[in-house]
N, C-alpha and C. Protein backbone atom coordinates (compact mmCIF):
# COMPACT_ATOMS: atom_id res chain seq x y z
N MET A 1 -15.24 3.41 -26.78
CA MET A 1 -13.89 3.53 -27.29
C MET A 1 -13.33 4.93 -27.13
N ALA A 2 -14.20 5.91 -27.11
CA ALA A 2 -13.75 7.29 -26.93
C ALA A 2 -13.16 7.48 -25.55
N ILE A 3 -13.72 6.78 -24.57
CA ILE A 3 -13.20 6.89 -23.19
C ILE A 3 -11.80 6.29 -23.12
N ILE A 4 -11.61 5.16 -23.75
CA ILE A 4 -10.29 4.52 -23.74
C ILE A 4 -9.25 5.41 -24.42
N ALA A 5 -9.63 5.99 -25.54
CA ALA A 5 -8.71 6.90 -26.25
C ALA A 5 -8.36 8.10 -25.38
N LEU A 6 -9.35 8.62 -24.67
CA LEU A 6 -9.12 9.76 -23.78
C LEU A 6 -8.19 9.36 -22.62
N LEU A 7 -8.42 8.18 -22.03
CA LEU A 7 -7.56 7.70 -20.95
C LEU A 7 -6.13 7.51 -21.43
N GLN A 8 -5.97 6.96 -22.62
CA GLN A 8 -4.63 6.75 -23.16
C GLN A 8 -3.95 8.05 -23.53
N GLN A 9 -4.72 8.99 -24.03
CA GLN A 9 -4.15 10.29 -24.43
C GLN A 9 -3.65 11.05 -23.21
N HIS A 10 -4.37 10.96 -22.12
CA HIS A 10 -3.99 11.64 -20.87
C HIS A 10 -3.66 10.58 -19.82
N ALA A 11 -2.72 9.71 -20.16
CA ALA A 11 -2.40 8.54 -19.34
C ALA A 11 -1.97 8.94 -17.93
N PHE A 12 -1.07 9.88 -17.81
CA PHE A 12 -0.58 10.24 -16.47
C PHE A 12 -1.71 10.78 -15.60
N LEU A 13 -2.49 11.70 -16.14
CA LEU A 13 -3.58 12.29 -15.34
C LEU A 13 -4.63 11.26 -14.98
N SER A 14 -4.93 10.37 -15.91
CA SER A 14 -5.95 9.36 -15.60
C SER A 14 -5.45 8.37 -14.55
N ILE A 15 -4.19 7.98 -14.64
CA ILE A 15 -3.64 7.07 -13.62
C ILE A 15 -3.51 7.81 -12.28
N LEU A 16 -3.20 9.08 -12.32
CA LEU A 16 -3.17 9.89 -11.10
C LEU A 16 -4.54 9.85 -10.42
N GLY A 17 -5.59 10.08 -11.17
CA GLY A 17 -6.95 10.06 -10.62
C GLY A 17 -7.36 8.68 -10.14
N ILE A 18 -7.03 7.67 -10.92
CA ILE A 18 -7.38 6.29 -10.54
C ILE A 18 -6.63 5.88 -9.29
N SER A 19 -5.35 6.19 -9.20
CA SER A 19 -4.58 5.81 -8.02
C SER A 19 -5.06 6.57 -6.78
N ALA A 20 -5.44 7.83 -6.94
CA ALA A 20 -5.99 8.59 -5.81
C ALA A 20 -7.30 7.97 -5.34
N ALA A 21 -8.17 7.62 -6.29
CA ALA A 21 -9.46 7.03 -5.94
C ALA A 21 -9.28 5.67 -5.26
N LEU A 22 -8.40 4.84 -5.80
CA LEU A 22 -8.17 3.53 -5.19
C LEU A 22 -7.49 3.64 -3.82
N ALA A 23 -6.59 4.59 -3.68
CA ALA A 23 -5.94 4.79 -2.38
C ALA A 23 -6.95 5.26 -1.34
N LEU A 24 -7.82 6.16 -1.73
CA LEU A 24 -8.86 6.63 -0.81
C LEU A 24 -9.80 5.48 -0.45
N PHE A 25 -10.22 4.71 -1.44
CA PHE A 25 -11.10 3.57 -1.21
C PHE A 25 -10.48 2.58 -0.24
N SER A 26 -9.23 2.19 -0.50
CA SER A 26 -8.58 1.19 0.36
C SER A 26 -8.33 1.74 1.76
N THR A 27 -8.02 3.03 1.87
CA THR A 27 -7.81 3.63 3.19
C THR A 27 -9.10 3.66 3.99
N LEU A 28 -10.21 4.01 3.34
CA LEU A 28 -11.50 4.03 4.03
C LEU A 28 -11.92 2.63 4.45
N VAL A 29 -11.72 1.65 3.58
CA VAL A 29 -12.05 0.26 3.93
C VAL A 29 -11.20 -0.17 5.11
N TYR A 30 -9.91 0.13 5.07
CA TYR A 30 -9.00 -0.24 6.16
C TYR A 30 -9.43 0.42 7.47
N LYS A 31 -9.81 1.68 7.39
CA LYS A 31 -10.19 2.41 8.60
C LYS A 31 -11.45 1.82 9.24
N TYR A 32 -12.45 1.50 8.43
CA TYR A 32 -13.72 1.06 8.98
C TYR A 32 -13.83 -0.45 9.14
N ALA A 33 -12.92 -1.22 8.55
CA ALA A 33 -12.97 -2.68 8.70
C ALA A 33 -12.06 -3.16 9.82
N THR A 34 -11.25 -2.27 10.36
CA THR A 34 -10.38 -2.65 11.47
C THR A 34 -10.80 -1.90 12.74
N ASP A 35 -10.45 -2.46 13.86
CA ASP A 35 -10.69 -1.82 15.15
C ASP A 35 -9.51 -0.87 15.38
N GLN A 36 -9.72 0.40 15.09
CA GLN A 36 -8.63 1.38 15.15
C GLN A 36 -8.06 1.55 16.56
N ALA A 37 -8.92 1.47 17.56
CA ALA A 37 -8.44 1.59 18.94
C ALA A 37 -7.53 0.42 19.29
N LEU A 38 -7.93 -0.78 18.89
CA LEU A 38 -7.11 -1.96 19.14
C LEU A 38 -5.80 -1.86 18.37
N MET A 39 -5.86 -1.44 17.12
CA MET A 39 -4.66 -1.31 16.31
C MET A 39 -3.69 -0.31 16.93
N LYS A 40 -4.21 0.79 17.43
CA LYS A 40 -3.36 1.81 18.05
C LYS A 40 -2.71 1.26 19.31
N ALA A 41 -3.49 0.55 20.12
CA ALA A 41 -2.95 -0.03 21.35
C ALA A 41 -1.87 -1.06 21.05
N ILE A 42 -2.11 -1.89 20.06
CA ILE A 42 -1.12 -2.91 19.67
C ILE A 42 0.16 -2.23 19.17
N LYS A 43 -0.01 -1.22 18.34
CA LYS A 43 1.15 -0.51 17.79
C LYS A 43 2.00 0.12 18.90
N GLU A 44 1.32 0.73 19.88
CA GLU A 44 2.04 1.36 20.99
C GLU A 44 2.77 0.30 21.83
N GLU A 45 2.11 -0.82 22.08
CA GLU A 45 2.73 -1.89 22.86
C GLU A 45 3.93 -2.47 22.12
N MET A 46 3.79 -2.64 20.82
CA MET A 46 4.90 -3.15 20.01
C MET A 46 6.08 -2.18 20.03
N LYS A 47 5.79 -0.90 19.98
CA LYS A 47 6.85 0.12 20.03
C LYS A 47 7.61 0.03 21.36
N LYS A 48 6.86 -0.12 22.45
CA LYS A 48 7.50 -0.25 23.77
C LYS A 48 8.40 -1.48 23.82
N LEU A 49 7.88 -2.60 23.31
CA LEU A 49 8.68 -3.83 23.33
C LEU A 49 9.92 -3.70 22.46
N GLN A 50 9.80 -3.05 21.31
CA GLN A 50 10.95 -2.86 20.44
C GLN A 50 11.99 -1.94 21.08
N ASP A 51 11.53 -0.91 21.78
CA ASP A 51 12.46 -0.03 22.50
C ASP A 51 13.18 -0.79 23.60
N GLU A 52 12.43 -1.66 24.28
CA GLU A 52 13.02 -2.48 25.34
C GLU A 52 14.05 -3.44 24.75
N MET A 53 13.75 -3.98 23.57
CA MET A 53 14.70 -4.89 22.92
C MET A 53 15.99 -4.15 22.56
N LYS A 54 15.86 -2.92 22.09
CA LYS A 54 17.04 -2.13 21.76
C LYS A 54 17.89 -1.87 23.00
N ALA A 55 17.21 -1.62 24.12
CA ALA A 55 17.93 -1.34 25.36
C ALA A 55 18.62 -2.59 25.90
N ASN A 56 18.12 -3.77 25.58
CA ASN A 56 18.67 -5.03 26.08
C ASN A 56 19.36 -5.84 24.99
N ARG A 57 20.01 -5.17 24.07
CA ARG A 57 20.67 -5.83 22.94
C ARG A 57 21.67 -6.90 23.37
N THR A 58 22.33 -6.65 24.47
CA THR A 58 23.38 -7.57 24.92
C THR A 58 22.86 -8.73 25.75
N ASN A 59 21.56 -8.75 26.04
CA ASN A 59 20.97 -9.80 26.87
C ASN A 59 20.07 -10.69 26.00
N PRO A 60 20.60 -11.81 25.50
CA PRO A 60 19.83 -12.67 24.60
C PRO A 60 18.57 -13.27 25.26
N GLN A 61 18.65 -13.53 26.56
CA GLN A 61 17.48 -14.09 27.26
C GLN A 61 16.34 -13.09 27.29
N LYS A 62 16.63 -11.86 27.58
CA LYS A 62 15.62 -10.81 27.64
C LYS A 62 15.02 -10.56 26.25
N ILE A 63 15.87 -10.58 25.23
CA ILE A 63 15.39 -10.39 23.86
C ILE A 63 14.44 -11.51 23.47
N ALA A 64 14.78 -12.74 23.81
CA ALA A 64 13.92 -13.89 23.50
C ALA A 64 12.57 -13.75 24.21
N GLU A 65 12.60 -13.30 25.46
CA GLU A 65 11.37 -13.09 26.23
C GLU A 65 10.49 -12.00 25.57
N LEU A 66 11.14 -10.91 25.18
CA LEU A 66 10.41 -9.82 24.54
C LEU A 66 9.86 -10.23 23.18
N GLN A 67 10.62 -11.03 22.43
CA GLN A 67 10.14 -11.53 21.14
C GLN A 67 8.91 -12.43 21.34
N GLY A 68 8.91 -13.18 22.42
CA GLY A 68 7.77 -14.03 22.76
C GLY A 68 6.51 -13.19 23.02
N LYS A 69 6.69 -12.01 23.58
CA LYS A 69 5.56 -11.11 23.81
C LYS A 69 5.13 -10.40 22.52
N LEU A 70 6.10 -10.19 21.65
CA LEU A 70 5.85 -9.47 20.40
C LEU A 70 5.07 -10.30 19.38
N MET A 71 5.31 -11.60 19.35
CA MET A 71 4.67 -12.49 18.36
C MET A 71 3.14 -12.47 18.44
N PRO A 72 2.52 -12.61 19.61
CA PRO A 72 1.04 -12.57 19.65
C PRO A 72 0.48 -11.22 19.21
N LEU A 73 1.21 -10.15 19.49
CA LEU A 73 0.77 -8.83 19.06
C LEU A 73 0.80 -8.73 17.53
N ASN A 74 1.86 -9.26 16.93
CA ASN A 74 1.95 -9.29 15.46
C ASN A 74 0.80 -10.08 14.86
N THR A 75 0.47 -11.20 15.50
CA THR A 75 -0.63 -12.04 15.01
C THR A 75 -1.96 -11.29 15.07
N LYS A 76 -2.21 -10.59 16.17
CA LYS A 76 -3.45 -9.80 16.30
C LYS A 76 -3.52 -8.72 15.23
N MET A 77 -2.40 -8.05 15.03
CA MET A 77 -2.36 -6.97 14.05
C MET A 77 -2.59 -7.51 12.64
N MET A 78 -1.99 -8.64 12.33
CA MET A 78 -2.17 -9.24 11.00
C MET A 78 -3.61 -9.70 10.79
N SER A 79 -4.23 -10.24 11.83
CA SER A 79 -5.62 -10.68 11.67
C SER A 79 -6.55 -9.49 11.44
N GLN A 80 -6.25 -8.37 12.06
CA GLN A 80 -7.03 -7.16 11.81
C GLN A 80 -6.82 -6.65 10.38
N SER A 81 -5.60 -6.73 9.89
CA SER A 81 -5.28 -6.25 8.54
C SER A 81 -5.84 -7.17 7.46
N PHE A 82 -6.13 -8.39 7.80
CA PHE A 82 -6.62 -9.36 6.84
C PHE A 82 -8.03 -9.02 6.36
N LYS A 83 -8.86 -8.46 7.23
CA LYS A 83 -10.25 -8.13 6.88
C LYS A 83 -10.33 -7.15 5.70
N PRO A 84 -9.65 -6.00 5.75
CA PRO A 84 -9.73 -5.08 4.62
C PRO A 84 -9.14 -5.65 3.33
N MET A 85 -8.14 -6.52 3.47
CA MET A 85 -7.55 -7.11 2.29
C MET A 85 -8.58 -7.98 1.56
N ILE A 86 -9.34 -8.75 2.31
CA ILE A 86 -10.38 -9.60 1.72
C ILE A 86 -11.43 -8.73 1.02
N LEU A 87 -11.78 -7.61 1.63
CA LEU A 87 -12.81 -6.74 1.06
C LEU A 87 -12.36 -6.02 -0.20
N THR A 88 -11.08 -5.79 -0.34
CA THR A 88 -10.60 -4.99 -1.47
C THR A 88 -9.98 -5.80 -2.60
N ILE A 89 -9.67 -7.06 -2.38
CA ILE A 89 -8.90 -7.81 -3.39
C ILE A 89 -9.65 -7.99 -4.70
N VAL A 90 -10.94 -8.32 -4.66
CA VAL A 90 -11.69 -8.55 -5.90
C VAL A 90 -11.84 -7.26 -6.71
N PRO A 91 -12.29 -6.14 -6.09
CA PRO A 91 -12.36 -4.91 -6.89
C PRO A 91 -11.01 -4.50 -7.48
N PHE A 92 -9.93 -4.67 -6.73
CA PHE A 92 -8.61 -4.29 -7.23
C PHE A 92 -8.19 -5.18 -8.40
N LEU A 93 -8.46 -6.47 -8.31
CA LEU A 93 -8.09 -7.37 -9.41
C LEU A 93 -8.85 -7.01 -10.69
N VAL A 94 -10.12 -6.69 -10.56
CA VAL A 94 -10.93 -6.31 -11.72
C VAL A 94 -10.39 -5.01 -12.33
N ILE A 95 -10.14 -4.02 -11.47
CA ILE A 95 -9.65 -2.73 -11.96
C ILE A 95 -8.27 -2.88 -12.60
N PHE A 96 -7.38 -3.66 -11.99
CA PHE A 96 -6.04 -3.84 -12.57
C PHE A 96 -6.10 -4.57 -13.90
N ALA A 97 -7.02 -5.52 -14.04
CA ALA A 97 -7.18 -6.21 -15.33
C ALA A 97 -7.62 -5.21 -16.40
N LEU A 98 -8.55 -4.34 -16.05
CA LEU A 98 -9.01 -3.32 -17.00
C LEU A 98 -7.89 -2.33 -17.34
N LEU A 99 -7.16 -1.91 -16.33
CA LEU A 99 -6.05 -0.98 -16.56
C LEU A 99 -4.99 -1.61 -17.47
N GLY A 100 -4.74 -2.89 -17.27
CA GLY A 100 -3.78 -3.59 -18.10
C GLY A 100 -4.18 -3.59 -19.57
N LYS A 101 -5.48 -3.71 -19.81
CA LYS A 101 -5.96 -3.70 -21.20
C LYS A 101 -5.91 -2.30 -21.80
N VAL A 102 -6.21 -1.30 -21.00
CA VAL A 102 -6.24 0.07 -21.50
C VAL A 102 -4.83 0.61 -21.75
N TYR A 103 -3.90 0.36 -20.82
CA TYR A 103 -2.58 0.98 -20.89
C TYR A 103 -1.48 0.02 -21.34
N ASN A 104 -1.81 -1.13 -21.89
CA ASN A 104 -0.83 -2.13 -22.28
C ASN A 104 0.20 -1.54 -23.26
N GLY A 105 1.49 -1.61 -22.87
CA GLY A 105 2.57 -1.16 -23.74
C GLY A 105 2.73 0.34 -23.85
N LEU A 106 2.00 1.09 -23.07
CA LEU A 106 2.04 2.55 -23.15
C LEU A 106 3.04 3.11 -22.14
N THR A 107 3.90 3.99 -22.57
CA THR A 107 4.83 4.67 -21.66
C THR A 107 4.08 5.84 -21.04
N VAL A 108 3.95 5.81 -19.72
CA VAL A 108 3.22 6.86 -19.02
C VAL A 108 4.16 7.97 -18.59
N ILE A 109 5.30 7.59 -18.04
CA ILE A 109 6.32 8.58 -17.64
C ILE A 109 7.57 8.30 -18.44
N PRO A 110 7.85 9.12 -19.46
CA PRO A 110 9.06 8.89 -20.26
C PRO A 110 10.32 9.22 -19.45
N LEU A 111 11.31 8.37 -19.58
CA LEU A 111 12.60 8.58 -18.92
C LEU A 111 13.69 8.47 -19.98
N SER A 112 14.83 9.04 -19.69
CA SER A 112 15.92 8.99 -20.66
C SER A 112 16.77 7.73 -20.49
N PHE A 113 16.34 6.83 -19.63
CA PHE A 113 17.08 5.59 -19.40
C PHE A 113 16.09 4.44 -19.22
N HIS A 114 16.62 3.23 -19.31
CA HIS A 114 15.78 2.05 -19.12
C HIS A 114 15.56 1.83 -17.63
N PHE A 115 14.31 1.68 -17.25
CA PHE A 115 13.98 1.44 -15.85
C PHE A 115 13.98 -0.07 -15.61
N PRO A 116 14.73 -0.54 -14.62
CA PRO A 116 14.77 -1.98 -14.37
C PRO A 116 13.36 -2.56 -14.16
N LEU A 117 13.19 -3.79 -14.53
CA LEU A 117 11.92 -4.53 -14.41
C LEU A 117 10.83 -4.02 -15.35
N SER A 118 11.14 -3.13 -16.24
CA SER A 118 10.16 -2.60 -17.18
C SER A 118 10.39 -3.21 -18.55
N LYS A 119 9.30 -3.55 -19.22
CA LYS A 119 9.39 -4.08 -20.58
C LYS A 119 9.60 -2.95 -21.58
N LEU A 120 9.30 -1.74 -21.16
CA LEU A 120 9.43 -0.59 -22.04
C LEU A 120 10.89 -0.20 -22.19
N ALA A 121 11.26 0.32 -23.37
CA ALA A 121 12.64 0.70 -23.64
C ALA A 121 13.09 1.82 -22.71
N THR A 122 12.33 2.89 -22.63
CA THR A 122 12.65 3.99 -21.73
C THR A 122 11.36 4.52 -21.12
N GLY A 123 11.29 4.49 -19.83
CA GLY A 123 10.12 5.05 -19.16
C GLY A 123 9.39 4.07 -18.28
N LEU A 124 8.41 4.61 -17.59
CA LEU A 124 7.57 3.81 -16.70
C LEU A 124 6.22 3.58 -17.36
N GLY A 125 5.73 2.37 -17.24
CA GLY A 125 4.40 2.05 -17.72
C GLY A 125 3.37 2.38 -16.65
N TRP A 126 2.17 1.87 -16.84
CA TRP A 126 1.08 2.19 -15.91
C TRP A 126 1.32 1.58 -14.53
N VAL A 127 1.93 0.39 -14.46
CA VAL A 127 2.13 -0.26 -13.16
C VAL A 127 3.10 0.55 -12.30
N GLY A 128 4.24 0.92 -12.86
CA GLY A 128 5.22 1.70 -12.10
C GLY A 128 4.66 3.04 -11.67
N THR A 129 3.94 3.67 -12.57
CA THR A 129 3.32 4.96 -12.25
C THR A 129 2.30 4.80 -11.14
N TYR A 130 1.46 3.78 -11.27
CA TYR A 130 0.44 3.53 -10.25
C TYR A 130 1.08 3.27 -8.88
N VAL A 131 2.10 2.44 -8.85
CA VAL A 131 2.74 2.09 -7.57
C VAL A 131 3.29 3.34 -6.88
N ILE A 132 4.00 4.16 -7.63
CA ILE A 132 4.59 5.38 -7.04
C ILE A 132 3.49 6.32 -6.54
N LEU A 133 2.50 6.56 -7.38
CA LEU A 133 1.43 7.48 -6.98
C LEU A 133 0.59 6.93 -5.83
N SER A 134 0.32 5.63 -5.85
CA SER A 134 -0.51 5.07 -4.78
C SER A 134 0.20 5.12 -3.43
N MET A 135 1.52 4.97 -3.42
CA MET A 135 2.26 5.09 -2.16
C MET A 135 2.11 6.50 -1.59
N VAL A 136 2.22 7.48 -2.46
CA VAL A 136 2.08 8.87 -2.03
C VAL A 136 0.66 9.13 -1.51
N PHE A 137 -0.34 8.77 -2.31
CA PHE A 137 -1.73 9.03 -1.92
C PHE A 137 -2.13 8.25 -0.67
N THR A 138 -1.71 7.01 -0.56
CA THR A 138 -2.06 6.21 0.62
C THR A 138 -1.47 6.85 1.88
N THR A 139 -0.23 7.30 1.80
CA THR A 139 0.39 7.95 2.96
C THR A 139 -0.37 9.22 3.34
N VAL A 140 -0.70 10.02 2.36
CA VAL A 140 -1.43 11.27 2.61
C VAL A 140 -2.81 10.99 3.21
N PHE A 141 -3.54 10.05 2.63
CA PHE A 141 -4.89 9.74 3.12
C PHE A 141 -4.86 9.12 4.51
N ARG A 142 -3.89 8.27 4.78
CA ARG A 142 -3.80 7.66 6.12
C ARG A 142 -3.51 8.71 7.19
N LYS A 143 -2.66 9.65 6.85
CA LYS A 143 -2.37 10.71 7.82
C LYS A 143 -3.57 11.63 7.98
N ALA A 144 -4.21 12.01 6.88
CA ALA A 144 -5.35 12.92 6.93
C ALA A 144 -6.55 12.30 7.66
N LEU A 145 -6.75 11.01 7.46
CA LEU A 145 -7.90 10.33 8.08
C LEU A 145 -7.55 9.66 9.41
N LYS A 146 -6.31 9.87 9.86
CA LYS A 146 -5.83 9.32 11.13
C LYS A 146 -6.04 7.81 11.25
N VAL A 147 -5.59 7.11 10.21
CA VAL A 147 -5.69 5.65 10.18
C VAL A 147 -4.40 5.08 10.77
N VAL A 148 -4.57 4.13 11.67
CA VAL A 148 -3.41 3.51 12.32
C VAL A 148 -2.83 2.46 11.40
């Protein structure tokens, strides 16, 4: 119980640490569970096709042809992304259930106005705080670890 009280007392810092740890974990799983060379090649090919589509905006036949080439690439990329999702979903569900119990009803970031979609009168709860911080950490870790 002392740990829970400590987490609640320092809610922002604890969620900051938890979101950094989870972002690093998911980034590492994504990096090593996907074929990074294949992902990079697919991404580059998709970029070329999208640039070609922009150049041929007025030609519906060419756009349809390019979209036909783009669909299998999207499918390959999604199948690669599916592997890390399967590996991380159970640990994330367990951790989020625990976080929900620890930070239930607690305002982590006080605001002077009501934040839409929040049950709290003024401020962000643990979910909003986690989402914002995890986006930042995931972006930083993906760039630092050169994850495609």
